C-alpha atoms as a PDB file:
ATOM      1  CA  MET A   1     106.916  43.702  96.630  1.00  0.00           C
ATOM      2  CA  LEU A   2     107.961  41.938  93.933  1.00  0.00           C
ATOM      3  CA  PRO A   3     106.563  38.857  91.809  1.00  0.00           C
ATOM      4  CA  VAL A   4     108.500  35.477  91.827  1.00  0.00           C
ATOM      5  CA  GLY A   5     110.149  34.816  88.708  1.00  0.00           C
ATOM      6  CA  GLY A   6     113.307  35.487  86.518  1.00  0.00           C
ATOM      7  CA  ASP A   7     116.186  35.879  88.996  1.00  0.00           C
ATOM      8  CA  ILE A   8     114.022  36.301  91.964  1.00  0.00           C
ATOM      9  CA  ARG A   9     113.606  32.519  93.376  1.00  0.00           C
ATOM     10  CA  ARG A  10     110.341  31.467  94.746  1.00  0.00           C
ATOM     11  CA  PRO A  11     111.618  31.263  98.512  1.00  0.00           C
ATOM     12  CA  GLU A  12     111.832  27.592 100.180  1.00  0.00           C
ATOM     13  CA  ARG A  13     109.366  27.251 103.329  1.00  0.00           C
ATOM     14  CA  ILE A  14     110.577  26.317 106.319  1.00  0.00           C
ATOM     15  CA  ARG A  15     107.232  26.062 108.608  1.00  0.00           C
ATOM     16  CA  PHE A  16     104.272  24.346 107.397  1.00  0.00           C
ATOM     17  CA  GLU A  17     100.582  23.808 109.136  1.00  0.00           C
ATOM     18  CA  PRO A  18      98.379  21.229 107.622  1.00  0.00           C
ATOM     19  CA  PRO A  19      95.049  22.485 106.520  1.00  0.00           C
ATOM     20  CA  GLU A  20      92.046  20.777 108.233  1.00  0.00           C
ATOM     21  CA  PHE A  21      89.899  18.412 105.917  1.00  0.00           C
ATOM     22  CA  PRO A  22      86.451  20.581 105.818  1.00  0.00           C
ATOM     23  CA  GLU A  23      83.650  18.093 107.362  1.00  0.00           C
ATOM     24  CA  SER A  24      81.549  19.677 104.163  1.00  0.00           C
ATOM     25  CA  ALA A  25      83.784  18.312 101.901  1.00  0.00           C
ATOM     26  CA  ARG A  26      84.859  15.316 103.352  1.00  0.00           C
ATOM     27  CA  THR A  27      81.094  14.636 103.786  1.00  0.00           C
ATOM     28  CA  ARG A  28      80.412  15.051 100.199  1.00  0.00           C
ATOM     29  CA  GLY A  29      83.596  12.674  99.234  1.00  0.00           C
ATOM     30  CA  GLU A  30      85.295  15.642  97.194  1.00  0.00           C
ATOM     31  CA  GLU A  31      89.015  15.860  97.039  1.00  0.00           C
ATOM     32  CA  GLY A  32      90.797  18.094  95.448  1.00  0.00           C
ATOM     33  CA  LEU A  33      93.577  20.895  94.244  1.00  0.00           C
ATOM     34  CA  VAL A  34      93.695  24.594  95.622  1.00  0.00           C
ATOM     35  CA  ILE A  35      95.786  27.044  94.096  1.00  0.00           C
ATOM     36  CA  LEU A  36      96.627  30.159  96.197  1.00  0.00           C
ATOM     37  CA  GLU A  37      98.479  33.768  95.854  1.00  0.00           C
ATOM     38  CA  LEU A  38     100.546  34.160  98.458  1.00  0.00           C
ATOM     39  CA  THR A  39     102.212  37.524  99.519  1.00  0.00           C
ATOM     40  CA  VAL A  40     105.348  36.940 101.981  1.00  0.00           C
ATOM     41  CA  ASP A  41     106.869  39.622 103.577  1.00  0.00           C
ATOM     42  CA  GLU A  42     110.971  40.573 104.181  1.00  0.00           C
ATOM     43  CA  GLY A  43     111.180  38.141 107.045  1.00  0.00           C
ATOM     44  CA  GLY A  44     109.356  35.613 105.599  1.00  0.00           C
ATOM     45  CA  ALA A  45     105.859  35.443 106.715  1.00  0.00           C
ATOM     46  CA  VAL A  46     102.862  34.780 105.224  1.00  0.00           C
ATOM     47  CA  ARG A  47     100.844  37.985 105.408  1.00  0.00           C
ATOM     48  CA  ASP A  48      97.935  37.545 102.818  1.00  0.00           C
ATOM     49  CA  ALA A  49      96.982  34.483 101.096  1.00  0.00           C
ATOM     50  CA  ARG A  50      94.490  34.359  98.255  1.00  0.00           C
ATOM     51  CA  ALA A  51      92.524  31.367  96.367  1.00  0.00           C
ATOM     52  CA  LEU A  52      93.113  31.260  92.852  1.00  0.00           C
ATOM     53  CA  ARG A  53      91.561  27.711  92.251  1.00  0.00           C
ATOM     54  CA  GLY A  54      89.563  25.260  94.349  1.00  0.00           C
ATOM     55  CA  ALA A  55      86.233  24.487  95.987  1.00  0.00           C
ATOM     56  CA  ALA A  56      85.377  27.329  98.588  1.00  0.00           C
ATOM     57  CA  ASP A  57      85.091  25.529 101.479  1.00  0.00           C
ATOM     58  CA  LEU A  58      88.569  23.545 100.714  1.00  0.00           C
ATOM     59  CA  SER A  59      90.251  27.052  99.881  1.00  0.00           C
ATOM     60  CA  GLU A  60      89.038  28.554 103.130  1.00  0.00           C
ATOM     61  CA  ALA A  61      90.835  25.706 104.629  1.00  0.00           C
ATOM     62  CA  ALA A  62      93.765  26.190 102.124  1.00  0.00           C
ATOM     63  CA  MET A  63      94.057  29.581 103.201  1.00  0.00           C
ATOM     64  CA  ALA A  64      93.760  29.873 107.062  1.00  0.00           C
ATOM     65  CA  ALA A  65      96.641  26.886 106.959  1.00  0.00           C
ATOM     66  CA  ALA A  66      98.878  29.376 104.753  1.00  0.00           C
ATOM     67  CA  ARG A  67      98.505  32.395 106.818  1.00  0.00           C
ATOM     68  CA  GLN A  68     100.579  30.026 109.234  1.00  0.00           C
ATOM     69  CA  TRP A  69     103.436  28.876 106.869  1.00  0.00           C
ATOM     70  CA  THR A  70     107.055  30.865 106.755  1.00  0.00           C
ATOM     71  CA  TYR A  71     109.285  30.965 104.185  1.00  0.00           C
ATOM     72  CA  GLU A  72     112.843  31.761 104.340  1.00  0.00           C
ATOM     73  CA  PRO A  73     113.366  35.785 103.558  1.00  0.00           C
ATOM     74  CA  THR A  74     113.810  35.987  99.960  1.00  0.00           C
ATOM     75  CA  LEU A  75     116.967  38.387  99.320  1.00  0.00           C
ATOM     76  CA  VAL A  76     117.835  41.215  96.313  1.00  0.00           C
ATOM     77  CA  GLU A  77     121.106  42.503  96.013  1.00  0.00           C
ATOM     78  CA  GLY A  78     121.558  41.383  99.673  1.00  0.00           C
ATOM     79  CA  GLU A  79     118.521  42.788 100.930  1.00  0.00           C
ATOM     80  CA  PRO A  80     115.415  41.002 102.169  1.00  0.00           C
ATOM     81  CA  VAL A  81     112.066  41.847 100.035  1.00  0.00           C
ATOM     82  CA  ALA A  82     108.283  41.122 100.272  1.00  0.00           C
ATOM     83  CA  VAL A  83     107.339  38.645  97.205  1.00  0.00           C
ATOM     84  CA  ARG A  84     104.646  37.456  95.641  1.00  0.00           C
ATOM     85  CA  PHE A  85     104.200  33.612  94.704  1.00  0.00           C
ATOM     86  CA  ALA A  86     101.544  30.823  93.843  1.00  0.00           C
ATOM     87  CA  ASP A  87     101.506  28.048  96.376  1.00  0.00           C
ATOM     88  CA  THR A  88      99.585  24.477  96.248  1.00  0.00           C
ATOM     89  CA  VAL A  89      97.864  22.366  98.460  1.00  0.00           C
ATOM     90  CA  ARG A  90      96.218  19.091  97.782  1.00  0.00           C
ATOM     91  CA  PHE A  91      93.091  17.795  99.855  1.00  0.00           C
ATOM     92  CA  VAL A  92      93.143  13.862 100.043  1.00  0.00           C
ATOM     93  CA  LEU A  93      90.687  11.938 101.591  1.00  0.00           C
ATOM     94  CA  ARG A  94      91.699   9.895 104.938  1.00  0.00           C
ATOM     95  CA  PRO A  95      89.859   8.673 107.777  1.00  0.00           C
ATOM     96  CA  ALA A  96      89.118  11.340 110.067  1.00  0.00           C
ATOM     97  CA  GLY A  97      91.728  11.573 112.512  1.00  0.00           C
ATOM     98  CA  GLY A  98      93.976   9.762 111.336  1.00  0.00           C
ATOM     99  CA  GLN A  99      95.335   6.381 112.129  1.00  0.00           C
ATOM    100  CA  GLY A 100      99.083   6.631 112.838  1.00  0.00           C
ATOM    101  CA  MET A 101     100.902   3.586 113.689  1.00  0.00           C
ATOM    102  CA  ARG A 102      98.499   0.988 113.335  1.00  0.00           C
ATOM    103  CA  LEU A 103      98.897  -1.714 111.222  1.00  0.00           C
ATOM    104  CA  PRO A 104      95.640  -2.632 109.046  1.00  0.00           C
ATOM    105  CA  PRO A 105      92.854  -4.407 110.976  1.00  0.00           C
ATOM    106  CA  GLU A 106      93.149  -7.527 109.380  1.00  0.00           C
ATOM    107  CA  ALA A 107      96.857  -7.995 109.690  1.00  0.00           C
ATOM    108  CA  VAL A 108      96.397  -9.653 113.345  1.00  0.00           C
ATOM    109  CA  ALA A 109      93.642 -11.864 112.615  1.00  0.00           C
ATOM    110  CA  ALA A 110      95.954 -13.017 109.513  1.00  0.00           C
ATOM    111  CA  ALA A 111      98.779 -13.726 111.651  1.00  0.00           C
ATOM    112  CA  ARG A 112      99.236 -17.400 110.850  1.00  0.00           C
ATOM    113  CA  ALA A 113      99.323 -16.819 106.824  1.00  0.00           C
ATOM    114  CA  ALA A 114     103.196 -15.185 107.769  1.00  0.00           C
ATOM    115  CA  ALA A 115     103.982 -19.070 107.540  1.00  0.00           C
ATOM    116  CA  SER A 116     103.859 -18.678 103.932  1.00  0.00           C
ATOM    117  CA  PHE A 117     106.915 -16.475 104.075  1.00  0.00           C
ATOM    118  CA  PRO A 118     110.455 -17.165 104.033  1.00  0.00           C
ATOM    119  CA  ASP A 119     111.872 -16.956 107.717  1.00  0.00           C
ATOM    120  CA  TRP A 120     113.978 -13.818 108.125  1.00  0.00           C
ATOM    121  CA  GLU A 121     115.681 -12.089 110.996  1.00  0.00           C
ATOM    122  CA  ILE A 122     117.197  -8.530 110.026  1.00  0.00           C
ATOM    123  CA  SER A 123     119.169  -6.080 112.571  1.00  0.00           C
ATOM    124  CA  GLY A 124     119.640  -2.614 112.453  1.00  0.00           C
ATOM    125  CA  HIS A 125     118.639   1.134 112.859  1.00  0.00           C
ATOM    126  CA  ALA A 126     115.833   3.844 111.921  1.00  0.00           C
ATOM    127  CA  PHE A 127     114.777   6.783 112.793  1.00  0.00           C
ATOM    128  CA  THR A 128     111.199   8.396 111.839  1.00  0.00           C
ATOM    129  CA  ALA A 129     110.109  12.027 111.440  1.00  0.00           C
ATOM    130  CA  CYS A 130     106.688  13.140 111.508  1.00  0.00           C
ATOM    131  CA  PRO A 131     104.642  16.491 112.218  1.00  0.00           C
ATOM    132  CA  CYS A 132     103.172  15.292 115.226  1.00  0.00           C
ATOM    133  CA  ASP A 133     104.097  16.493 119.123  1.00  0.00           C
ATOM    134  CA  THR A 134     106.711  15.319 120.992  1.00  0.00           C
ATOM    135  CA  PRO A 135     106.038  12.479 122.174  1.00  0.00           C
ATOM    136  CA  CYS A 136     103.936  11.196 119.309  1.00  0.00           C
ATOM    137  CA  PRO A 137     100.839   9.983 120.033  1.00  0.00           C
ATOM    138  CA  CYS A 138     101.065   7.191 117.425  1.00  0.00           C
ATOM    139  CA  ARG A 139     103.486   5.646 119.215  1.00  0.00           C
ATOM    140  CA  SER A 140     101.305   5.125 122.340  1.00  0.00           C
ATOM    141  CA  ASN A 141      98.179   3.796 120.867  1.00  0.00           C
ATOM    142  CA  GLY A 142      96.771   7.359 120.156  1.00  0.00           C
ATOM    143  CA  PRO A 143      95.653   9.163 116.779  1.00  0.00           C
ATOM    144  CA  PRO A 144      97.985  11.166 115.197  1.00  0.00           C
ATOM    145  CA  SER A 145      97.994  14.751 116.983  1.00  0.00           C
ATOM    146  CA  HIS A 146      98.400  16.394 113.302  1.00  0.00           C
ATOM    147  CA  PRO A 147      97.031  14.543 110.893  1.00  0.00           C
ATOM    148  CA  PRO A 148      97.578  13.087 108.197  1.00  0.00           C
ATOM    149  CA  CYS A 149     100.514  10.816 109.387  1.00  0.00           C
ATOM    150  CA  HIS A 150     103.588  12.212 107.243  1.00  0.00           C
ATOM    151  CA  ALA A 151     105.818  10.101 108.720  1.00  0.00           C
ATOM    152  CA  THR A 152     109.262   9.138 106.883  1.00  0.00           C
ATOM    153  CA  THR A 153     111.137   6.557 108.126  1.00  0.00           C
ATOM    154  CA  ALA A 154     115.148   6.100 107.254  1.00  0.00           C
ATOM    155  CA  THR A 155     116.041   2.505 107.955  1.00  0.00           C
ATOM    156  CA  ARG A 156     119.530   0.683 107.460  1.00  0.00           C
ATOM    157  CA  ILE A 157     119.805  -3.048 107.754  1.00  0.00           C
ATOM    158  CA  GLU A 158     123.432  -3.822 109.289  1.00  0.00           C
ATOM    159  CA  SER A 159     123.152  -7.949 108.954  1.00  0.00           C
ATOM    160  CA  GLY A 160     120.095 -10.263 107.844  1.00  0.00           C
ATOM    161  CA  ARG A 161     118.792 -11.887 105.625  1.00  0.00           C
ATOM    162  CA  TYR A 162     114.866 -13.134 103.998  1.00  0.00           C
ATOM    163  CA  GLY A 163     115.168 -16.750 103.244  1.00  0.00           C
ATOM    164  CA  ASP A 164     118.833 -16.959 101.020  1.00  0.00           C
ATOM    165  CA  THR A 165     119.089 -13.294 100.260  1.00  0.00           C
ATOM    166  CA  ASP A 166     121.517 -11.730 102.164  1.00  0.00           C
ATOM    167  CA  LEU A 167     120.524  -7.931 103.278  1.00  0.00           C
ATOM    168  CA  ALA A 168     123.410  -7.056 105.052  1.00  0.00           C
ATOM    169  CA  GLY A 169     124.088  -2.851 104.212  1.00  0.00           C
ATOM    170  CA  SER A 170     120.523  -2.767 102.549  1.00  0.00           C
ATOM    171  CA  GLU A 171     118.868   1.246 103.110  1.00  0.00           C
ATOM    172  CA  PHE A 172     115.744   2.295 101.820  1.00  0.00           C
ATOM    173  CA  VAL A 173     113.534   5.312 103.241  1.00  0.00           C
ATOM    174  CA  THR A 174     109.650   4.682 103.527  1.00  0.00           C
ATOM    175  CA  LEU A 175     106.583   7.173 103.806  1.00  0.00           C
ATOM    176  CA  GLY A 176     103.440   6.739 105.272  1.00  0.00           C
ATOM    177  CA  PRO A 177     102.218   4.585 107.267  1.00  0.00           C
ATOM    178  CA  GLU A 178      98.395   5.227 106.625  1.00  0.00           C
ATOM    179  CA  THR A 179      98.927   4.815 102.848  1.00  0.00           C
ATOM    180  CA  TRP A 180     102.500   3.414 102.491  1.00  0.00           C
ATOM    181  CA  VAL A 181     102.845   6.411 100.198  1.00  0.00           C
ATOM    182  CA  ALA A 182     106.271   5.543  98.977  1.00  0.00           C
ATOM    183  CA  LEU A 183     109.298   3.713  99.266  1.00  0.00           C
ATOM    184  CA  TYR A 184     112.638   4.573  98.217  1.00  0.00           C
ATOM    185  CA  PHE A 185     115.382   1.780  97.333  1.00  0.00           C
ATOM    186  CA  ASP A 186     119.446   2.954  97.687  1.00  0.00           C
ATOM    187  CA  GLU A 187     120.088   3.015  93.818  1.00  0.00           C
ATOM    188  CA  ILE A 188     122.565  -0.045  94.458  1.00  0.00           C
ATOM    189  CA  LEU A 189     120.265  -2.445  95.549  1.00  0.00           C
ATOM    190  CA  SER A 190     120.237  -5.397  93.621  1.00  0.00           C
ATOM    191  CA  GLU A 191     116.719  -7.011  92.475  1.00  0.00           C
ATOM    192  CA  ALA A 192     116.768  -9.876  94.451  1.00  0.00           C
ATOM    193  CA  ARG A 193     117.283  -7.325  98.152  1.00  0.00           C
ATOM    194  CA  ARG A 194     114.148  -5.072  96.791  1.00  0.00           C
ATOM    195  CA  ASP A 195     112.059  -7.992  96.193  1.00  0.00           C
ATOM    196  CA  ALA A 196     113.383  -9.280  99.876  1.00  0.00           C
ATOM    197  CA  ILE A 197     112.659  -6.047 101.530  1.00  0.00           C
ATOM    198  CA  LEU A 198     108.648  -5.772  99.713  1.00  0.00           C
ATOM    199  CA  GLY A 199     108.668  -9.696 101.247  1.00  0.00           C
ATOM    200  CA  ILE A 200     109.761  -8.848 104.731  1.00  0.00           C
ATOM    201  CA  PHE A 201     106.613  -5.619 104.756  1.00  0.00           C
ATOM    202  CA  ALA A 202     103.883  -8.082 102.870  1.00  0.00           C
ATOM    203  CA  SER A 203     104.900 -10.301 105.890  1.00  0.00           C
ATOM    204  CA  LEU A 204     104.312  -7.908 108.695  1.00  0.00           C
ATOM    205  CA  ALA A 205     100.341  -7.318 107.604  1.00  0.00           C
ATOM    206  CA  PRO A 206      99.617 -10.823 105.866  1.00  0.00           C
ATOM    207  CA  GLY A 207      96.539 -10.412 103.583  1.00  0.00           C
ATOM    208  CA  ALA A 208      96.268  -6.594 103.448  1.00  0.00           C
ATOM    209  CA  PRO A 209      97.347  -5.019 100.479  1.00  0.00           C
ATOM    210  CA  GLN A 210     100.743  -2.985 100.249  1.00  0.00           C
ATOM    211  CA  ARG A 211      99.298   0.249  98.594  1.00  0.00           C
ATOM    212  CA  TYR A 212     102.227   2.313  97.646  1.00  0.00           C
ATOM    213  CA  ARG A 213     101.732   5.280  94.871  1.00  0.00           C
ATOM    214  CA  ALA A 214     105.820   5.015  93.986  1.00  0.00           C
ATOM    215  CA  VAL A 215     108.250   2.546  94.461  1.00  0.00           C
ATOM    216  CA  ARG A 216     111.567   4.172  93.634  1.00  0.00           C
ATOM    217  CA  GLN A 217     115.463   3.219  92.953  1.00  0.00           C
ATOM    218  CA  VAL A 218     117.139   6.484  93.832  1.00  0.00           C
ATOM    219  CA  PRO A 219     120.652   8.059  95.266  1.00  0.00           C
ATOM    220  CA  LEU A 220     119.947   7.413  99.148  1.00  0.00           C
ATOM    221  CA  GLU A 221     122.300   8.507 101.885  1.00  0.00           C
ATOM    222  CA  ILE A 222     121.889   7.232 105.492  1.00  0.00           C
ATOM    223  CA  THR A 223     124.498   8.401 108.107  1.00  0.00           C
ATOM    224  CA  THR A 224     125.050   8.549 111.569  1.00  0.00           C
ATOM    225  CA  GLN A 225     127.950  10.197 112.967  1.00  0.00           C
ATOM    226  CA  ALA A 226     129.195  11.377 116.818  1.00  0.00           C
ATOM    227  CA  ALA A 227     127.613  15.014 117.800  1.00  0.00           C
ATOM    228  CA  ARG A 228     127.801  16.879 120.855  1.00  0.00           C
ATOM    229  CA  GLY A 229     124.888  15.584 123.211  1.00  0.00           C
ATOM    230  CA  GLY A 230     124.526  12.406 120.973  1.00  0.00           C
ATOM    231  CA  ARG A 231     124.035  10.668 117.581  1.00  0.00           C
ATOM    232  CA  LEU A 232     123.505  13.106 114.941  1.00  0.00           C
ATOM    233  CA  ARG A 233     121.043  10.699 112.180  1.00  0.00           C
ATOM    234  CA  ARG A 234     120.682  12.146 108.384  1.00  0.00           C
ATOM    235  CA  ALA A 235     119.110  10.774 105.464  1.00  0.00           C
ATOM    236  CA  VAL A 236     119.390  12.479 102.004  1.00  0.00           C
ATOM    237  CA  ILE A 237     117.644  12.054  98.706  1.00  0.00           C
ATOM    238  CA  PRO A 238     118.922  14.629  96.304  1.00  0.00           C
ATOM    239  CA  GLY A 239     115.863  16.944  95.298  1.00  0.00           C
ATOM    240  CA  ILE A 240     113.573  14.569  97.380  1.00  0.00           C
ATOM    241  CA  LEU A 241     114.058  14.126 101.163  1.00  0.00           C
ATOM    242  CA  GLU A 242     116.303  15.803 103.651  1.00  0.00           C
ATOM    243  CA  MET A 243     115.935  14.873 106.976  1.00  0.00           C
ATOM    244  CA  GLU A 244     118.343  15.036 110.407  1.00  0.00           C
ATOM    245  CA  SER A 245     117.645  14.601 113.822  1.00  0.00           C
ATOM    246  CA  LEU A 246     119.962  14.708 116.994  1.00  0.00           C
ATOM    247  CA  PHE A 247     119.139  11.675 119.658  1.00  0.00           C
ATOM    248  CA  PRO A 248     120.546  10.895 122.868  1.00  0.00           C
ATOM    249  CA  ALA A 249     123.214   8.212 122.778  1.00  0.00           C
ATOM    250  CA  ASP A 250     126.251   7.041 124.901  1.00  0.00           C
ATOM    251  CA  ALA A 251     130.598   6.871 123.862  1.00  0.00           C
ATOM    252  CA  ALA A 252     129.535   3.537 122.116  1.00  0.00           C
ATOM    253  CA  GLY A 253     127.005   5.016 119.745  1.00  0.00           C
ATOM    254  CA  ASN A 254     124.031   3.211 121.962  1.00  0.00           C
ATOM    255  CA  LEU A 255     120.750   4.667 122.079  1.00  0.00           C
ATOM    256  CA  LEU A 256     119.868   6.340 125.526  1.00  0.00           C
ATOM    257  CA  GLY A 257     116.169   7.035 126.956  1.00  0.00           C
ATOM    258  CA  LEU A 258     114.541   4.055 125.215  1.00  0.00           C
ATOM    259  CA  ILE A 259     110.959   3.922 126.106  1.00  0.00           C
ATOM    260  CA  PRO A 260     108.168   1.513 125.094  1.00  0.00           C
ATOM    261  CA  GLY A 261     106.760   2.403 121.596  1.00  0.00           C
ATOM    262  CA  MET A 262     105.069   1.380 118.590  1.00  0.00           C
ATOM    263  CA  ASP A 263     107.217   0.606 115.459  1.00  0.00           C
ATOM    264  CA  VAL A 264     107.445  -1.849 112.575  1.00  0.00           C
ATOM    265  CA  TRP A 265     110.858  -2.617 113.464  1.00  0.00           C
ATOM    266  CA  SER A 266     111.090  -2.334 117.251  1.00  0.00           C
ATOM    267  CA  ASN A 267     108.934  -2.072 120.500  1.00  0.00           C
ATOM    268  CA  ARG A 268     111.126   0.440 121.889  1.00  0.00           C
ATOM    269  CA  LEU A 269     112.302   3.639 121.029  1.00  0.00           C
ATOM    270  CA  THR A 270     113.846   7.432 121.996  1.00  0.00           C
ATOM    271  CA  TYR A 271     113.138  10.727 120.935  1.00  0.00           C
ATOM    272  CA  GLY A 272     115.017  13.339 119.952  1.00  0.00           C
ATOM    273  CA  ARG A 273     115.985  16.924 118.885  1.00  0.00           C
ATOM    274  CA  THR A 274     114.388  17.322 115.356  1.00  0.00           C
ATOM    275  CA  GLY A 275     116.210  19.541 112.957  1.00  0.00           C
ATOM    276  CA  THR A 276     115.677  19.403 109.248  1.00  0.00           C
ATOM    277  CA  TYR A 277     112.551  17.495 107.820  1.00  0.00           C
ATOM    278  CA  ARG A 278     111.718  18.545 104.050  1.00  0.00           C
ATOM    279  CA  TYR A 279     110.157  16.126 101.410  1.00  0.00           C
ATOM    280  CA  ARG A 280     108.790  16.700  97.670  1.00  0.00           C
ATOM    281  CA  ASP A 281     107.993  14.280  95.024  1.00  0.00           C
ATOM    282  CA  ALA A 282     106.313  15.589  92.024  1.00  0.00           C
ATOM    283  CA  SER A 283     105.733  11.793  90.844  1.00  0.00           C
ATOM    284  CA  VAL A 284     104.030  10.929  94.216  1.00  0.00           C
ATOM    285  CA  PRO A 285     102.457  13.561  94.513  1.00  0.00           C
ATOM    286  CA  ALA A 286     103.289  14.927  97.573  1.00  0.00           C
ATOM    287  CA  ALA A 287     105.282  17.777  99.494  1.00  0.00           C
ATOM    288  CA  TRP A 288     105.618  18.820 103.107  1.00  0.00           C
ATOM    289  CA  ASN A 289     107.856  20.605 105.021  1.00  0.00           C
ATOM    290  CA  HIS A 290     108.057  19.606 109.154  1.00  0.00           C
ATOM    291  CA  THR A 291     111.216  20.775 109.841  1.00  0.00           C
ATOM    292  CA  GLY A 292     111.568  21.297 113.829  1.00  0.00           C
ATOM    293  CA  ARG A 293     108.461  18.696 114.538  1.00  0.00           C
ATOM    294  CA  GLN A 294     108.962  14.986 116.136  1.00  0.00           C
ATOM    295  CA  SER A 295     111.367  12.413 115.417  1.00  0.00           C
ATOM    296  CA  ASN A 296     112.205   9.031 117.217  1.00  0.00           C
ATOM    297  CA  ALA A 297     114.970   6.553 116.582  1.00  0.00           C
ATOM    298  CA  LYS A 298     114.748   2.602 117.408  1.00  0.00           C
ATOM    299  CA  GLU A 299     117.824  -0.064 117.097  1.00  0.00           C
ATOM    300  CA  PHE A 300     116.615  -3.581 116.442  1.00  0.00           C
ATOM    301  CA  THR A 301     116.772  -7.219 116.231  1.00  0.00           C
ATOM    302  CA  LEU A 302     113.376  -8.480 114.788  1.00  0.00           C
ATOM    303  CA  THR A 303     112.625 -12.062 113.143  1.00  0.00           C
ATOM    304  CA  LEU A 304     109.599 -13.396 111.351  1.00  0.00           C
ATOM    305  CA  ASP A 305     108.741 -15.150 114.702  1.00  0.00           C
ATOM    306  CA  ASP A 306     107.587 -11.749 116.623  1.00  0.00           C
ATOM    307  CA  TYR A 307     105.049 -11.538 113.864  1.00  0.00           C
ATOM    308  CA  ARG A 308     103.860 -15.031 113.845  1.00  0.00           C
ATOM    309  CA  ASN A 309     103.751 -14.933 117.491  1.00  0.00           C
ATOM    310  CA  GLY A 310     101.953 -11.255 117.999  1.00  0.00           C
ATOM    311  CA  ARG A 311     104.822 -10.057 119.824  1.00  0.00           C
ATOM    312  CA  MET A 312     105.307  -6.631 118.720  1.00  0.00           C
ATOM    313  CA  LEU A 313     102.883  -3.790 120.434  1.00  0.00           C
ATOM    314  CA  ILE A 314     101.651  -2.513 116.802  1.00  0.00           C
ATOM    315  CA  GLN A 315     100.143  -5.771 116.020  1.00  0.00           C
ATOM    316  CA  HIS A 316      97.504  -5.107 118.987  1.00  0.00           C
ATOM    317  CA  ALA A 317      96.693  -1.372 118.326  1.00  0.00           C
ATOM    318  CA  ASP A 318      92.975  -0.035 118.466  1.00  0.00           C
ATOM    319  CA  GLY A 319      93.870   3.960 118.301  1.00  0.00           C
ATOM    320  CA  SER A 320      92.612   4.051 121.945  1.00  0.00           C
ATOM    321  CA  GLY A 321      94.998   6.335 123.461  1.00  0.00           C
ATOM    322  CA  ASP A 322      96.005   3.659 125.726  1.00  0.00           C
ATOM    323  CA  TRP A 323      97.894   0.303 126.064  1.00  0.00           C
ATOM    324  CA  THR A 324      95.337  -2.520 125.350  1.00  0.00           C
ATOM    325  CA  ALA A 325      95.695  -5.930 127.159  1.00  0.00           C
ATOM    326  CA  ALA A 326      97.464  -7.655 124.764  1.00  0.00           C
ATOM    327  CA  GLN A 327     100.008  -4.662 124.718  1.00  0.00           C
ATOM    328  CA  ARG A 328     100.034  -4.890 128.160  1.00  0.00           C
ATOM    329  CA  ALA A 329     100.865  -9.000 128.232  1.00  0.00           C
ATOM    330  CA  ILE A 330     103.625  -8.096 125.667  1.00  0.00           C
ATOM    331  CA  PHE A 331     105.576  -5.478 128.771  1.00  0.00           C
ATOM    332  CA  ALA A 332     104.755  -8.400 131.084  1.00  0.00           C
ATOM    333  CA  CYS A 333     106.775 -10.814 128.780  1.00  0.00           C
ATOM    334  CA  PRO A 334     110.477 -10.934 129.263  1.00  0.00           C
ATOM    335  CA  HIS A 335     111.047 -11.848 125.892  1.00  0.00           C
ATOM    336  CA  GLY A 336     108.333  -9.979 124.176  1.00  0.00           C
ATOM    337  CA  GLY A 337     109.027  -7.858 121.462  1.00  0.00           C
ATOM    338  CA  ALA A 338     111.918  -7.073 119.372  1.00  0.00           C
ATOM    339  CA  ALA A 339     115.343  -5.597 119.948  1.00  0.00           C
ATOM    340  CA  PRO A 340     116.321  -4.886 122.269  1.00  0.00           C
ATOM    341  CA  ARG A 341     115.305  -7.910 123.483  1.00  0.00           C
ATOM    342  CA  GLY A 342     113.801  -8.123 126.879  1.00  0.00           C
ATOM    343  CA  ASP A 343     110.728  -5.867 128.780  1.00  0.00           C
ATOM    344  CA  PRO A 344     110.077  -2.748 126.420  1.00  0.00           C
END
């Protein structure tokens, strides 16, 4: 067994299981950082996890989770070897069970406040990855299967405007939705476009504060390309994010298998095969690897009026695990919901 350092680099984690937040720590309101010493065998499996620092109950939870992690095998002169190194787990208090895709409760009550925003309309596409099972229960008005909600969404606006600001070609990535962890703008976006996109997000939940830990401009690439079985969508922020998934689509590139689902951009989505999903940003700070977990995609045409008039499924979520009466009414309305227009 070799210690990581020098020419021996720390291996990349390829399977992550989030730790359970101990009820004892939740009761006393304690957050914290646990530093672990991990022993990883030649195949990349964690064979031993020992806490070097952290509260006892947080440390136990971190060690239990770490024993389920997998890393890429470490090679020395072409041969796999066992290695030892330190890794960290940060415990952050959130509501028990998580909130999933719900907008803040005050959002619907304050819907009339949307009148104070400029009119906007956007069309485009987006895809999301998260650690939940497939299908993601959050999308059907349930709590996440694997809280906290580490959802990342890559969005490209093909055409649209916010007031007089043209948004065609705008690309950005959001992390959340429970804490609006971070928002990453393509580095080429002007200040006017960045402000417009922030304005759109504010209008989705008027009266509810935006709680971003970070808002940054970064080199960002969001691509869609034909692939066997559909369309491969990929989002890359060098050194921060790598996310890709394959979604069913027809020869023209239109998504197939659309079903009802809650999302800020659309009332319909389709599930795909998740490939890579890795994120790390020390400035937030946050890091995870949910490769092989859940992903979904949507194409949308959306206006401020869809939110003003309560047409979005996500506006009427309560986390009960079943559709609410208001959501069922949207299903019954021939124009209820955002693009593709029609019944979700």
